[in-house]
Amino acid sequence: MEIIAKGISKRFFRKAGESNYFFAVKECDFSLPEAAVTILTGHSGSGKTTLLSMLAGLLAPDAGLVSADGRNLYGPDDRENSAFRGRHLAVVPQGRAVLDTLNVLDNCLLGLRLAGREAVDSIAKAEEWLDRFEILPLRSAMPRELSGGELRRVMLIRALMTEAEVLFADEPTADLDEENTEKVLEALQTAAHQQQKTILIVTHENEALKIADRVFRMNKGEIVPA
């Protein structure tokens, strides 16, 4: 599934009044091809997460259009848009995004269940991912018992388990050691090249560049070649 953005921009207001706004993302065209890993780098505050959020259908642009295989992600029917995102787009956010009332295994399965795609072998597949990322012994643990790196791996498993065609990952290797960083990047590269998924990774980590098919940098809200 290809994501195409035409003329999108996003601005925020520091205080009341037209003169006090700033552009987090200046007007731009951008696309994410399927079966490829696109890397977006840049300093903190450069607009990377804002751009990701607009491309993922989470934050409406102030201008322009974002489409997924020709479908407007911000069409007039909010319920239909939400259902489409749940089926076809998965996001690994930079911050903590797990349900504290669910254990690790159930958090891994949550996206699949919300998308209505749980199957008889879903638990087994989730446990395979947990084992691959070296957190299988924690499958019954609660989120409060996990480290930041362990929580990040749980969020990535949840996204991969949904079988969504497009995956957005914001700093997916933050808090991870070298070994687990390599495993996460390998999983994302495999998802793109072998499963034909569309992957966008926002990162500060140079290690991620080795799996990139395309690399861009953001500077003060503008996208430039890296």
Protein backbone atom coordinates (compact mmCIF):
# COMPACT_ATOMS: atom_id res chain seq x y z
CA MET A 1 0.00 0.00 0.00
CA GLU A 2 1.44 3.36 -1.04
CA ILE A 3 1.00 6.51 1.05
CA ILE A 4 1.03 9.79 -0.88
CA ALA A 5 0.94 13.29 0.61
CA LYS A 6 0.35 16.33 -1.59
CA GLY A 7 0.90 19.88 -0.37
CA ILE A 8 0.52 19.02 3.32
CA SER A 9 1.51 21.35 6.13
CA LYS A 10 0.92 21.73 9.85
CA ARG A 11 1.23 24.75 12.05
CA PHE A 12 0.79 25.29 15.78
CA PHE A 13 0.09 28.40 17.83
CA ARG A 14 2.40 29.40 20.64
CA LYS A 15 -0.16 31.85 22.05
CA ALA A 16 -3.45 33.37 20.95
CA GLY A 17 -3.18 35.43 17.82
CA GLU A 18 -2.32 34.87 14.16
CA SER A 19 1.19 36.28 14.50
CA ASN A 20 2.34 33.66 16.98
CA TYR A 21 2.11 30.44 14.96
CA PHE A 22 4.97 28.34 13.66
CA PHE A 23 5.09 25.64 11.02
CA ALA A 24 6.01 22.22 12.43
CA VAL A 25 5.85 20.91 8.86
CA LYS A 26 6.06 23.34 5.95
CA GLU A 27 4.14 22.66 2.75
CA CYS A 28 5.54 19.55 1.09
CA ASP A 29 4.89 16.53 -1.09
CA PHE A 30 6.01 13.17 0.27
CA SER A 31 5.37 9.53 -0.52
CA LEU A 32 5.98 6.12 1.05
CA PRO A 33 6.31 3.28 -1.49
CA GLU A 34 5.35 -0.26 -0.63
CA ALA A 35 7.98 -2.96 -0.06
CA ALA A 36 10.49 -0.35 1.11
CA VAL A 37 11.96 1.07 4.32
CA THR A 38 11.93 4.86 4.41
CA ILE A 39 14.03 6.50 7.12
CA LEU A 40 13.36 10.03 8.39
CA THR A 41 16.06 11.67 10.49
CA GLY A 42 16.59 15.11 11.99
CA HIS A 43 17.07 16.96 15.24
CA SER A 44 14.45 16.95 17.98
CA GLY A 45 11.75 19.47 17.17
CA SER A 46 12.39 19.37 13.42
CA GLY A 47 8.88 18.07 12.64
CA LYS A 48 9.51 14.34 12.18
CA THR A 49 6.81 13.06 14.53
CA THR A 50 4.30 15.62 13.24
CA LEU A 51 4.89 14.42 9.67
CA LEU A 52 4.59 10.78 10.74
CA SER A 53 1.31 11.52 12.53
CA MET A 54 -0.16 13.17 9.43
CA LEU A 55 0.92 10.31 7.16
CA ALA A 56 -0.51 7.76 9.61
CA GLY A 57 -3.95 9.34 9.71
CA LEU A 58 -3.58 10.51 13.30
CA LEU A 59 -3.21 14.27 12.82
CA ALA A 60 -5.09 16.13 10.11
CA PRO A 61 -2.93 18.50 8.06
CA ASP A 62 -3.94 22.16 7.88
CA ALA A 63 -3.62 21.98 4.10
CA GLY A 64 -3.13 19.30 1.49
CA LEU A 65 -4.19 15.68 1.13
CA VAL A 66 -2.91 12.35 2.46
CA SER A 67 -4.06 9.22 0.65
CA ALA A 68 -3.51 5.49 0.99
CA ASP A 69 -3.83 3.77 -2.38
CA GLY A 70 -6.02 6.65 -3.50
CA ARG A 71 -8.21 6.81 -0.37
CA ASN A 72 -8.31 10.10 1.54
CA LEU A 73 -7.21 9.31 5.10
CA TYR A 74 -9.07 12.37 6.35
CA GLY A 75 -12.37 11.90 4.53
CA PRO A 76 -15.67 13.11 5.99
CA ASP A 77 -16.67 9.80 7.64
CA ASP A 78 -14.62 9.62 10.86
CA ARG A 79 -15.87 6.15 11.81
CA GLU A 80 -15.00 4.72 8.40
CA ASN A 81 -11.59 6.41 8.46
CA SER A 82 -10.85 4.95 11.89
CA ALA A 83 -11.86 1.47 10.77
CA PHE A 84 -9.63 1.77 7.70
CA ARG A 85 -6.64 2.85 9.80
CA GLY A 86 -7.22 -0.03 12.20
CA ARG A 87 -7.18 -2.57 9.37
CA HIS A 88 -4.37 -1.20 7.23
CA LEU A 89 -2.09 1.09 9.27
CA ALA A 90 -0.09 0.31 12.41
CA VAL A 91 1.87 2.76 14.54
CA VAL A 92 4.65 2.22 17.06
CA PRO A 93 4.65 5.56 18.92
CA GLN A 94 7.65 7.14 20.56
CA GLY A 95 5.95 7.35 23.94
CA ARG A 96 4.51 4.69 26.18
CA ALA A 97 1.37 3.22 24.58
CA VAL A 98 0.24 0.05 26.33
CA LEU A 99 -2.79 -0.79 28.45
CA ASP A 100 -1.74 -1.06 32.09
CA THR A 101 -4.62 -3.43 32.83
CA LEU A 102 -3.41 -6.04 30.30
CA ASN A 103 -0.41 -8.29 30.62
CA VAL A 104 2.36 -8.45 28.01
CA LEU A 105 0.77 -11.19 25.90
CA ASP A 106 -2.63 -9.48 25.79
CA ASN A 107 -1.01 -6.16 24.90
CA CYS A 108 0.74 -7.89 22.00
CA LEU A 109 -2.60 -9.25 20.78
CA LEU A 110 -4.58 -6.04 21.33
CA GLY A 111 -4.14 -4.55 17.87
CA LEU A 112 -5.03 -7.84 16.21
CA ARG A 113 -8.17 -8.15 18.32
CA LEU A 114 -9.29 -4.58 17.68
CA ALA A 115 -8.86 -5.16 13.94
CA GLY A 116 -10.92 -8.35 14.17
CA ARG A 117 -8.07 -10.49 12.86
CA GLU A 118 -7.36 -12.78 15.79
CA ALA A 119 -6.96 -16.42 14.68
CA VAL A 120 -6.55 -19.77 16.43
CA ASP A 121 -2.77 -19.52 16.12
CA SER A 122 -2.45 -15.86 17.17
CA ILE A 123 -1.23 -16.64 20.69
CA ALA A 124 1.40 -19.00 19.32
CA LYS A 125 2.58 -16.34 16.86
CA ALA A 126 2.73 -13.72 19.60
CA GLU A 127 4.82 -16.05 21.74
CA GLU A 128 7.16 -16.63 18.79
CA TRP A 129 7.71 -12.87 18.55
CA LEU A 130 8.19 -12.58 22.31
CA ASP A 131 10.79 -15.33 22.16
CA ARG A 132 12.53 -13.71 19.19
CA PHE A 133 12.79 -10.43 21.09
CA GLU A 134 13.90 -12.24 24.29
CA ILE A 135 10.90 -11.31 26.45
CA LEU A 136 8.90 -14.56 26.35
CA PRO A 137 9.38 -15.13 30.13
CA LEU A 138 7.56 -11.81 30.63
CA ARG A 139 4.38 -12.81 28.76
CA SER A 140 2.30 -12.75 31.97
CA ALA A 141 3.99 -9.65 33.41
CA MET A 142 2.16 -6.34 33.72
CA PRO A 143 3.47 -3.20 31.98
CA ARG A 144 4.54 -1.59 35.25
CA GLU A 145 7.04 -4.41 35.69
CA LEU A 146 8.78 -3.78 32.37
CA SER A 147 11.72 -1.58 31.43
CA GLY A 148 11.47 1.03 28.69
CA GLY A 149 13.21 -1.26 26.21
CA GLU A 150 10.92 -4.16 27.03
CA LEU A 151 7.83 -1.98 26.58
CA ARG A 152 9.13 -0.81 23.22
CA ARG A 153 9.48 -4.39 22.01
CA VAL A 154 5.92 -5.15 23.16
CA MET A 155 4.61 -2.18 21.14
CA LEU A 156 6.51 -3.33 18.06
CA ILE A 157 5.16 -6.88 18.38
CA ARG A 158 1.62 -5.50 18.68
CA ALA A 159 2.10 -3.56 15.42
CA LEU A 160 3.64 -6.50 13.57
CA MET A 161 0.90 -8.83 14.77
CA THR A 162 -1.85 -6.72 13.16
CA GLU A 163 -0.63 -7.69 9.67
CA ALA A 164 -1.24 -4.08 8.58
CA GLU A 165 0.15 -3.16 5.16
CA VAL A 166 1.76 0.04 6.46
CA LEU A 167 3.85 0.38 9.62
CA PHE A 168 4.99 3.66 11.17
CA ALA A 169 7.71 3.40 13.83
CA ASP A 170 8.78 6.45 15.85
CA GLU A 171 12.18 5.80 17.45
CA PRO A 172 11.62 2.00 17.55
CA THR A 173 15.15 1.24 18.81
CA ALA A 174 15.22 3.78 21.65
CA ASP A 175 16.16 2.18 24.99
CA LEU A 176 17.39 -1.00 23.25
CA ASP A 177 20.83 -2.56 23.50
CA GLU A 178 22.85 -3.36 20.38
CA GLU A 179 21.63 -6.95 20.08
CA ASN A 180 17.94 -6.09 20.33
CA THR A 181 18.37 -3.06 18.07
CA GLU A 182 19.64 -5.40 15.38
CA LYS A 183 16.71 -7.79 15.88
CA VAL A 184 14.15 -5.00 15.65
CA LEU A 185 15.70 -3.53 12.51
CA GLU A 186 15.92 -6.96 10.92
CA ALA A 187 12.22 -7.55 11.65
CA LEU A 188 11.26 -4.23 10.04
CA GLN A 189 13.43 -4.86 6.98
CA THR A 190 11.95 -8.34 6.57
CA ALA A 191 8.44 -6.91 6.84
CA ALA A 192 9.21 -4.54 3.97
CA HIS A 193 11.20 -6.74 1.62
CA GLN A 194 9.59 -10.13 2.16
CA GLN A 195 6.05 -9.18 3.16
CA GLN A 196 5.80 -6.14 0.87
CA LYS A 197 4.92 -3.76 3.69
CA THR A 198 5.32 0.01 3.59
CA ILE A 199 7.64 1.07 6.42
CA LEU A 200 8.45 4.53 7.79
CA ILE A 201 11.00 4.80 10.59
CA VAL A 202 11.65 8.06 12.43
CA THR A 203 14.97 7.80 14.23
CA HIS A 204 18.07 9.49 15.61
CA GLU A 205 19.99 6.21 15.43
CA ASN A 206 22.59 5.85 12.67
CA GLU A 207 22.32 2.07 13.04
CA ALA A 208 18.91 2.18 11.36
CA LEU A 209 20.36 3.64 8.18
CA LYS A 210 21.81 0.30 7.15
CA ILE A 211 18.35 -1.10 6.40
CA ALA A 212 17.07 2.00 4.60
CA ASP A 213 15.91 1.98 1.01
CA ARG A 214 15.31 5.73 1.17
CA VAL A 215 16.62 8.34 3.64
CA PHE A 216 15.32 11.86 4.23
CA ARG A 217 16.11 14.50 6.82
CA MET A 218 13.90 17.13 8.36
CA ASN A 219 15.23 20.56 9.24
CA LYS A 220 12.95 23.24 10.71
CA GLY A 221 9.85 21.65 9.21
CA GLU A 222 11.31 21.06 5.75
CA ILE A 223 12.14 17.70 4.16
CA VAL A 224 15.55 17.52 2.49
CA PRO A 225 17.62 14.63 1.07
CA ALA A 226 19.86 13.13 3.77
